N, C-alpha and C. Protein backbone atom coordinates (compact mmCIF):
# COMPACT_ATOMS: atom_id res chain seq x y z
N MET A 1 42.92 -19.48 68.81
CA MET A 1 44.04 -18.62 68.54
C MET A 1 45.46 -19.40 68.56
N PRO A 2 46.29 -19.18 67.53
CA PRO A 2 47.43 -20.08 67.57
C PRO A 2 48.33 -19.65 68.55
N ASP A 3 49.11 -20.61 68.98
CA ASP A 3 50.15 -20.47 69.96
C ASP A 3 51.44 -19.80 69.52
N VAL A 4 51.75 -20.01 68.15
CA VAL A 4 53.04 -19.40 67.60
C VAL A 4 52.47 -19.09 66.24
N THR A 5 52.87 -17.83 65.79
CA THR A 5 52.75 -17.44 64.41
C THR A 5 54.10 -16.68 63.97
N GLU A 6 54.50 -17.09 62.73
CA GLU A 6 55.62 -16.40 62.07
C GLU A 6 55.21 -16.06 60.71
N THR A 7 55.96 -15.01 60.31
CA THR A 7 55.55 -14.50 58.89
C THR A 7 56.89 -14.26 58.10
N ILE A 8 56.82 -14.07 56.83
CA ILE A 8 57.92 -13.71 56.02
C ILE A 8 57.15 -13.25 54.69
N THR A 9 58.04 -12.28 54.10
CA THR A 9 57.56 -11.83 52.77
C THR A 9 58.36 -12.44 51.72
N VAL A 10 57.62 -12.98 50.57
CA VAL A 10 58.30 -13.61 49.55
C VAL A 10 58.01 -13.06 48.28
N ALA A 11 58.99 -12.91 47.37
CA ALA A 11 58.73 -12.42 46.02
C ALA A 11 58.35 -13.52 45.19
N ALA A 12 57.07 -13.91 45.18
CA ALA A 12 56.42 -14.96 44.36
C ALA A 12 54.97 -14.74 44.46
N SER A 13 54.32 -15.42 43.68
CA SER A 13 52.84 -15.29 43.66
C SER A 13 52.18 -16.32 44.71
N PRO A 14 51.08 -15.70 45.18
CA PRO A 14 50.26 -16.69 46.20
C PRO A 14 49.94 -18.00 45.61
N GLU A 15 49.71 -18.16 44.34
CA GLU A 15 49.45 -19.47 43.68
C GLU A 15 50.72 -20.37 43.65
N ALA A 16 51.88 -19.76 43.54
CA ALA A 16 53.05 -20.49 43.55
C ALA A 16 53.33 -20.96 44.98
N LEU A 17 53.24 -20.14 45.91
CA LEU A 17 53.46 -20.43 47.27
C LEU A 17 52.50 -21.46 47.80
N TYR A 18 51.25 -21.31 47.37
CA TYR A 18 50.21 -22.36 47.95
C TYR A 18 50.66 -23.80 47.26
N ALA A 19 51.06 -23.72 46.09
CA ALA A 19 51.37 -24.94 45.35
C ALA A 19 52.64 -25.58 46.11
N LEU A 20 53.58 -24.93 46.56
CA LEU A 20 54.67 -25.40 47.25
C LEU A 20 54.13 -25.90 48.55
N VAL A 21 53.58 -25.13 49.47
CA VAL A 21 53.14 -25.57 50.88
C VAL A 21 52.12 -26.73 50.79
N SER A 22 51.19 -26.78 49.89
CA SER A 22 50.21 -27.76 49.85
C SER A 22 50.84 -29.13 49.31
N ASP A 23 51.87 -29.08 48.77
CA ASP A 23 52.64 -30.32 48.23
C ASP A 23 53.33 -30.92 49.43
N LEU A 24 52.65 -31.41 50.41
CA LEU A 24 53.19 -31.88 51.66
C LEU A 24 54.37 -32.79 51.51
N PRO A 25 54.34 -33.73 50.53
CA PRO A 25 55.71 -34.60 50.52
C PRO A 25 56.97 -33.79 50.31
N ARG A 26 56.86 -32.52 49.92
CA ARG A 26 58.12 -31.64 49.89
C ARG A 26 58.42 -31.03 51.19
N MET A 27 57.64 -31.03 52.19
CA MET A 27 57.75 -30.33 53.51
C MET A 27 59.19 -30.70 54.09
N GLY A 28 59.78 -31.90 53.70
CA GLY A 28 60.99 -32.25 54.34
C GLY A 28 62.23 -31.41 53.71
N GLU A 29 61.91 -30.64 52.64
CA GLU A 29 63.01 -29.73 52.08
C GLU A 29 62.93 -28.56 52.87
N TRP A 30 61.99 -28.13 53.57
CA TRP A 30 62.03 -26.84 54.31
C TRP A 30 62.07 -27.05 55.75
N SER A 31 61.30 -27.97 56.31
CA SER A 31 61.27 -28.10 57.81
C SER A 31 62.48 -28.77 58.37
N PRO A 32 62.90 -28.24 59.55
CA PRO A 32 64.03 -28.96 60.15
C PRO A 32 63.65 -30.11 61.12
N GLU A 33 62.30 -30.48 61.18
CA GLU A 33 61.81 -31.50 61.89
C GLU A 33 61.10 -32.52 61.05
N CYS A 34 60.17 -32.01 60.25
CA CYS A 34 59.47 -33.08 59.22
C CYS A 34 60.47 -33.49 58.18
N THR A 35 60.57 -34.70 58.06
CA THR A 35 61.49 -35.20 56.85
C THR A 35 60.74 -35.62 55.76
N GLY A 36 59.44 -35.69 55.80
CA GLY A 36 58.64 -36.06 54.55
C GLY A 36 57.28 -36.29 55.04
N VAL A 37 56.46 -36.33 53.96
CA VAL A 37 54.96 -36.75 54.10
C VAL A 37 54.64 -37.66 52.98
N THR A 38 53.64 -38.73 53.36
CA THR A 38 53.10 -39.51 52.34
C THR A 38 51.59 -39.45 52.37
N TRP A 39 51.04 -39.19 51.21
CA TRP A 39 49.54 -39.07 51.18
C TRP A 39 49.04 -40.36 51.26
N SER A 40 47.83 -40.57 51.80
CA SER A 40 47.24 -41.81 51.90
C SER A 40 46.56 -42.19 50.44
N ALA A 41 46.79 -43.39 50.14
CA ALA A 41 46.34 -43.85 48.72
C ALA A 41 44.82 -43.59 48.64
N ARG A 42 44.06 -43.72 49.82
CA ARG A 42 42.58 -43.60 49.68
C ARG A 42 42.16 -42.13 49.63
N THR A 43 42.89 -41.08 50.09
CA THR A 43 42.43 -39.85 50.16
C THR A 43 43.76 -38.94 49.71
N PRO A 44 44.15 -39.02 48.46
CA PRO A 44 45.39 -38.20 48.18
C PRO A 44 45.08 -36.75 48.20
N GLY A 45 46.10 -35.93 48.46
CA GLY A 45 45.76 -34.44 48.78
C GLY A 45 46.23 -33.75 47.48
N PRO A 46 46.20 -32.43 47.68
CA PRO A 46 45.99 -31.57 48.77
C PRO A 46 44.48 -31.11 48.88
N ALA A 47 43.64 -31.93 49.17
CA ALA A 47 42.17 -31.57 49.31
C ALA A 47 41.71 -31.74 50.60
N VAL A 48 40.56 -30.99 50.97
CA VAL A 48 40.07 -30.97 52.22
C VAL A 48 39.66 -32.48 52.56
N GLY A 49 40.02 -33.06 53.68
CA GLY A 49 39.77 -34.35 54.03
C GLY A 49 40.83 -35.37 53.70
N ALA A 50 41.83 -34.95 52.87
CA ALA A 50 42.93 -35.82 52.60
C ALA A 50 43.70 -36.27 53.86
N ARG A 51 44.14 -37.41 53.87
CA ARG A 51 44.91 -37.88 54.90
C ARG A 51 46.41 -38.11 54.57
N PHE A 52 47.26 -38.05 55.64
CA PHE A 52 48.75 -38.42 55.28
C PHE A 52 49.44 -38.76 56.48
N THR A 53 50.58 -39.36 56.31
CA THR A 53 51.58 -39.75 57.44
C THR A 53 52.71 -38.90 57.26
N GLY A 54 53.21 -38.27 58.39
CA GLY A 54 54.29 -37.43 58.42
C GLY A 54 55.52 -38.19 59.16
N ARG A 55 56.75 -38.03 58.55
CA ARG A 55 57.81 -38.60 59.17
C ARG A 55 58.63 -37.34 59.82
N ASN A 56 59.04 -37.53 60.96
CA ASN A 56 59.66 -36.43 61.63
C ASN A 56 60.82 -37.00 62.38
N ARG A 57 61.83 -36.01 62.70
CA ARG A 57 63.05 -36.31 63.51
C ARG A 57 63.55 -35.24 64.34
N ALA A 58 64.01 -35.53 65.45
CA ALA A 58 64.77 -34.45 66.23
C ALA A 58 65.87 -35.12 66.96
N GLY A 59 67.23 -34.84 66.55
CA GLY A 59 68.24 -35.53 67.03
C GLY A 59 68.19 -37.10 66.69
N ALA A 60 68.26 -37.83 67.59
CA ALA A 60 68.14 -39.31 67.39
C ALA A 60 66.82 -39.89 67.23
N ALA A 61 65.90 -39.06 67.86
CA ALA A 61 64.50 -39.59 67.87
C ALA A 61 63.74 -39.41 66.43
N ARG A 62 63.05 -40.47 66.13
CA ARG A 62 62.17 -40.53 64.98
C ARG A 62 60.78 -41.04 65.33
N TRP A 63 59.75 -40.30 64.68
CA TRP A 63 58.38 -40.68 64.88
C TRP A 63 57.52 -40.31 63.72
N LEU A 64 56.39 -41.03 63.70
CA LEU A 64 55.36 -40.85 62.69
C LEU A 64 54.21 -40.04 63.23
N THR A 65 53.59 -39.35 62.53
CA THR A 65 52.30 -38.51 62.87
C THR A 65 51.34 -38.98 61.68
N GLN A 66 50.02 -38.80 62.15
CA GLN A 66 48.86 -38.80 61.02
C GLN A 66 48.38 -37.40 60.96
N GLY A 67 48.00 -37.01 59.77
CA GLY A 67 47.46 -35.83 59.57
C GLY A 67 46.15 -35.75 58.53
N ARG A 68 45.53 -34.78 58.60
CA ARG A 68 44.15 -34.56 57.75
C ARG A 68 44.07 -33.10 57.46
N VAL A 69 43.99 -32.89 56.14
CA VAL A 69 43.71 -31.48 55.50
C VAL A 69 42.38 -31.04 55.95
N LEU A 70 42.40 -29.87 56.47
CA LEU A 70 41.09 -29.19 57.06
C LEU A 70 40.58 -28.16 56.18
N GLU A 71 41.58 -27.38 55.60
CA GLU A 71 41.29 -26.29 54.57
C GLU A 71 42.29 -26.23 53.40
N ALA A 72 41.78 -26.07 52.29
CA ALA A 72 42.63 -26.04 51.11
C ALA A 72 42.12 -25.10 50.08
N THR A 73 42.45 -23.86 50.20
CA THR A 73 41.91 -22.85 49.30
C THR A 73 43.03 -22.24 48.61
N PRO A 74 43.18 -22.69 47.31
CA PRO A 74 44.37 -22.21 46.56
C PRO A 74 44.67 -20.63 46.61
N ALA A 75 45.91 -20.53 46.77
CA ALA A 75 46.48 -19.06 46.81
C ALA A 75 46.02 -18.30 48.18
N ARG A 76 45.28 -18.95 49.00
CA ARG A 76 44.80 -18.23 50.20
C ARG A 76 45.22 -18.93 51.49
N THR A 77 44.86 -20.27 51.66
CA THR A 77 45.17 -20.81 52.96
C THR A 77 45.11 -22.42 52.77
N PHE A 78 46.04 -23.01 53.66
CA PHE A 78 46.13 -24.38 53.72
C PHE A 78 46.39 -24.83 55.19
N THR A 79 45.47 -25.67 55.65
CA THR A 79 45.45 -25.97 57.15
C THR A 79 45.43 -27.52 57.40
N PHE A 80 46.11 -27.95 58.29
CA PHE A 80 45.90 -29.36 58.55
C PHE A 80 46.14 -29.67 60.09
N ALA A 81 45.43 -30.62 60.54
CA ALA A 81 45.50 -31.24 61.86
C ALA A 81 46.45 -32.35 62.00
N ILE A 82 47.19 -32.54 63.03
CA ILE A 82 48.12 -33.60 63.23
C ILE A 82 47.75 -34.37 64.55
N HIS A 83 47.82 -35.68 64.33
CA HIS A 83 47.46 -36.55 65.43
C HIS A 83 48.57 -37.49 65.64
N PHE A 84 48.78 -38.12 66.88
CA PHE A 84 49.70 -39.25 67.12
C PHE A 84 48.75 -40.34 67.62
N GLY A 85 48.42 -41.31 66.84
CA GLY A 85 47.42 -42.15 67.16
C GLY A 85 46.15 -41.35 67.43
N PRO A 86 45.47 -41.73 68.54
CA PRO A 86 44.37 -40.98 68.80
C PRO A 86 44.45 -39.66 69.48
N ILE A 87 45.56 -39.24 69.80
CA ILE A 87 45.85 -38.05 70.54
C ILE A 87 46.06 -36.76 69.69
N PRO A 88 45.33 -35.71 69.60
CA PRO A 88 45.44 -34.51 68.93
C PRO A 88 46.74 -33.88 69.40
N ILE A 89 47.52 -33.54 68.39
CA ILE A 89 48.84 -32.98 68.72
C ILE A 89 48.84 -31.45 68.26
N ALA A 90 48.48 -31.13 67.08
CA ALA A 90 48.62 -29.65 66.63
C ALA A 90 47.80 -29.36 65.35
N LEU A 91 47.51 -28.10 65.25
CA LEU A 91 46.95 -27.57 64.14
C LEU A 91 47.92 -26.64 63.39
N TRP A 92 48.28 -26.88 62.15
CA TRP A 92 49.16 -26.06 61.33
C TRP A 92 48.48 -25.33 60.24
N SER A 93 48.77 -23.97 59.97
CA SER A 93 48.16 -23.23 59.01
C SER A 93 49.10 -22.34 58.22
N TYR A 94 48.85 -22.18 57.03
CA TYR A 94 49.68 -21.22 56.11
C TYR A 94 48.55 -20.48 55.43
N THR A 95 48.89 -19.06 55.47
CA THR A 95 47.96 -18.26 54.75
C THR A 95 48.94 -17.38 53.90
N PHE A 96 48.37 -16.75 52.76
CA PHE A 96 49.10 -16.14 51.69
C PHE A 96 48.42 -14.74 51.44
N THR A 97 48.97 -13.69 51.90
CA THR A 97 48.35 -12.40 51.68
C THR A 97 49.10 -11.57 50.72
N PRO A 98 48.47 -11.27 49.54
CA PRO A 98 49.23 -10.47 48.57
C PRO A 98 49.67 -9.04 49.03
N LEU A 99 50.84 -8.77 48.71
CA LEU A 99 51.34 -7.26 49.03
C LEU A 99 51.68 -6.62 47.73
N ASP A 100 52.18 -5.39 47.78
CA ASP A 100 52.52 -4.71 46.65
C ASP A 100 53.86 -5.37 46.19
N ALA A 101 54.70 -5.84 46.96
CA ALA A 101 55.96 -6.37 46.54
C ALA A 101 56.07 -7.90 47.15
N GLY A 102 55.17 -8.67 46.46
CA GLY A 102 55.32 -10.14 46.93
C GLY A 102 54.03 -10.55 47.75
N VAL A 103 54.38 -11.48 48.61
CA VAL A 103 53.33 -12.12 49.38
C VAL A 103 53.80 -12.29 50.86
N LEU A 104 52.92 -11.98 51.77
CA LEU A 104 53.18 -12.18 53.11
C LEU A 104 52.69 -13.72 53.50
N VAL A 105 53.67 -14.48 53.74
CA VAL A 105 53.30 -15.93 54.19
C VAL A 105 53.31 -15.98 55.71
N THR A 106 52.14 -16.59 56.25
CA THR A 106 51.99 -16.61 57.61
C THR A 106 51.87 -18.08 58.02
N GLU A 107 52.81 -18.64 58.93
CA GLU A 107 52.66 -19.92 59.30
C GLU A 107 52.24 -19.98 60.84
N SER A 108 51.21 -20.69 61.14
CA SER A 108 50.71 -20.76 62.60
C SER A 108 50.65 -22.18 62.97
N TRP A 109 50.88 -22.15 64.39
CA TRP A 109 50.86 -23.47 65.08
C TRP A 109 49.98 -23.34 66.29
N THR A 110 49.16 -24.41 66.41
CA THR A 110 48.24 -24.38 67.60
C THR A 110 48.49 -25.73 68.33
N ASP A 111 48.86 -25.51 69.57
CA ASP A 111 49.07 -26.83 70.42
C ASP A 111 47.78 -27.34 70.74
N ARG A 112 47.57 -28.72 70.36
CA ARG A 112 46.21 -29.28 70.71
C ARG A 112 46.55 -30.53 71.58
N ARG A 113 47.72 -30.62 72.21
CA ARG A 113 48.00 -31.87 72.98
C ARG A 113 47.08 -31.60 74.34
N PRO A 114 46.70 -32.62 74.84
CA PRO A 114 46.14 -32.59 76.28
C PRO A 114 46.96 -31.97 77.20
N ALA A 115 46.50 -31.10 78.18
CA ALA A 115 47.35 -30.43 79.12
C ALA A 115 48.39 -31.27 79.83
N PRO A 116 48.03 -32.55 80.39
CA PRO A 116 49.02 -33.40 81.03
C PRO A 116 50.11 -33.80 80.13
N LEU A 117 49.79 -34.13 78.83
CA LEU A 117 50.81 -34.51 77.87
C LEU A 117 51.70 -33.32 77.54
N ARG A 118 51.09 -32.14 77.32
CA ARG A 118 51.79 -30.95 77.08
C ARG A 118 52.94 -30.67 78.16
N LEU A 119 52.42 -30.81 79.43
CA LEU A 119 53.29 -30.50 80.54
C LEU A 119 54.44 -31.47 80.65
N ALA A 120 54.13 -32.74 80.43
CA ALA A 120 55.11 -33.66 80.50
C ALA A 120 56.16 -33.71 79.38
N MET A 121 55.64 -33.44 78.24
CA MET A 121 56.56 -33.33 77.01
C MET A 121 57.52 -32.13 77.09
N ASN A 122 56.92 -30.94 77.69
CA ASN A 122 57.77 -29.79 77.84
C ASN A 122 58.67 -30.03 78.91
N ALA A 123 58.36 -30.69 79.96
CA ALA A 123 59.40 -30.92 80.97
C ALA A 123 60.44 -31.79 80.50
N ALA A 124 60.12 -32.79 79.72
CA ALA A 124 61.15 -33.76 79.23
C ALA A 124 62.05 -33.18 78.11
N PHE A 125 61.43 -32.47 77.25
CA PHE A 125 62.13 -32.06 76.07
C PHE A 125 62.11 -30.59 75.61
N GLY A 126 61.81 -29.73 76.70
CA GLY A 126 61.79 -28.34 76.43
C GLY A 126 60.52 -27.71 75.96
N ASP A 127 60.45 -26.43 75.93
CA ASP A 127 59.26 -25.75 75.51
C ASP A 127 59.04 -26.08 73.99
N ARG A 128 57.94 -26.56 73.66
CA ARG A 128 57.54 -26.91 72.28
C ARG A 128 57.24 -25.75 71.46
N ALA A 129 56.66 -24.59 72.14
CA ALA A 129 56.39 -23.50 71.42
C ALA A 129 57.66 -22.73 71.02
N ASP A 130 58.66 -22.66 71.79
CA ASP A 130 59.86 -22.00 71.45
C ASP A 130 60.71 -22.88 70.36
N LEU A 131 60.68 -24.19 70.45
CA LEU A 131 61.29 -25.11 69.49
C LEU A 131 60.61 -24.74 68.11
N ASN A 132 59.39 -24.84 68.20
CA ASN A 132 58.41 -24.49 66.84
C ASN A 132 58.79 -23.15 66.32
N ARG A 133 58.80 -22.20 67.15
CA ARG A 133 59.06 -20.85 66.64
C ARG A 133 60.38 -20.92 65.83
N ARG A 134 61.42 -21.34 66.45
CA ARG A 134 62.68 -21.57 65.65
C ARG A 134 62.50 -22.28 64.42
N GLY A 135 61.90 -23.50 64.44
CA GLY A 135 61.70 -24.36 63.21
C GLY A 135 60.80 -23.69 62.21
N MET A 136 59.81 -22.88 62.62
CA MET A 136 58.95 -22.13 61.59
C MET A 136 59.80 -21.17 61.01
N ARG A 137 60.63 -20.38 61.68
CA ARG A 137 61.38 -19.47 61.02
C ARG A 137 62.29 -20.12 59.97
N THR A 138 62.96 -21.10 60.24
CA THR A 138 63.76 -21.90 59.37
C THR A 138 63.02 -22.40 58.19
N THR A 139 61.82 -22.94 58.41
CA THR A 139 60.75 -23.39 57.25
C THR A 139 60.54 -22.35 56.32
N LEU A 140 60.22 -21.14 56.92
CA LEU A 140 59.73 -19.97 56.08
C LEU A 140 60.99 -19.53 55.24
N GLU A 141 62.11 -19.39 55.83
CA GLU A 141 63.38 -18.91 55.11
C GLU A 141 63.64 -19.82 54.05
N ARG A 142 63.55 -21.22 54.27
CA ARG A 142 63.90 -22.17 53.13
C ARG A 142 62.78 -22.11 52.17
N LEU A 143 61.52 -21.96 52.55
CA LEU A 143 60.44 -21.89 51.54
C LEU A 143 60.72 -20.55 50.63
N ARG A 144 61.12 -19.50 51.35
CA ARG A 144 61.29 -18.35 50.46
C ARG A 144 62.39 -18.60 49.45
N SER A 145 63.48 -19.10 49.92
CA SER A 145 64.60 -19.40 49.06
C SER A 145 64.27 -20.25 47.84
N THR A 146 63.41 -21.34 48.16
CA THR A 146 62.88 -22.24 47.03
C THR A 146 61.98 -21.37 46.03
N ALA A 147 61.02 -20.59 46.58
CA ALA A 147 60.08 -19.88 45.81
C ALA A 147 60.75 -18.83 44.97
N GLU A 148 61.72 -18.21 45.58
CA GLU A 148 62.24 -17.10 44.77
C GLU A 148 63.33 -17.46 43.74
N SER A 149 63.86 -18.63 44.04
CA SER A 149 64.90 -19.11 43.22
C SER A 149 64.18 -19.80 41.88
N ALA A 150 62.95 -20.27 42.18
CA ALA A 150 62.19 -20.87 41.08
C ALA A 150 61.53 -19.78 40.13
N HIS A 151 61.27 -18.53 40.74
CA HIS A 151 60.65 -17.49 39.97
C HIS A 151 61.50 -16.39 39.62
N ALA A 152 62.93 -16.63 39.85
CA ALA A 152 63.95 -15.62 39.39
C ALA A 152 64.03 -15.43 37.92
N PRO A 153 64.12 -14.15 37.57
CA PRO A 153 64.31 -14.06 36.03
C PRO A 153 65.59 -14.78 35.49
N SER A 154 65.45 -15.33 34.33
CA SER A 154 66.67 -16.19 33.79
C SER A 154 67.67 -15.13 33.10
């Protein structure tokens, strides 16, 4: 079960939203923490098993993470796991549910850090769930803005 889930309704198609979210190199346009992603040359995405490196920042801190796509069902769901070296960090998932007036986009985060690391990091840097909740809201709002402006009538 996810530790944090946020939703937003977007006036765009599930196909368009999936295309945006699964284009991980663009994540830096929406996320307040991830500044960008590079697909591995050996396993370019967005397909199941594709690997990537994420670039992140918070204040002056900068770090890289490694990721792997776990689920990639166009217009329905996109899920990936994040590691820092050999340490599991998180599971991120996006689902797209058609509504009468748009699509409900659900972003979920599951903390996969080992308990001692989670406690130490939360003590040093604050509650990660709270930080991610705020970041997820920002990400979804920016995603909506991009999707709706791209699909606005001319």
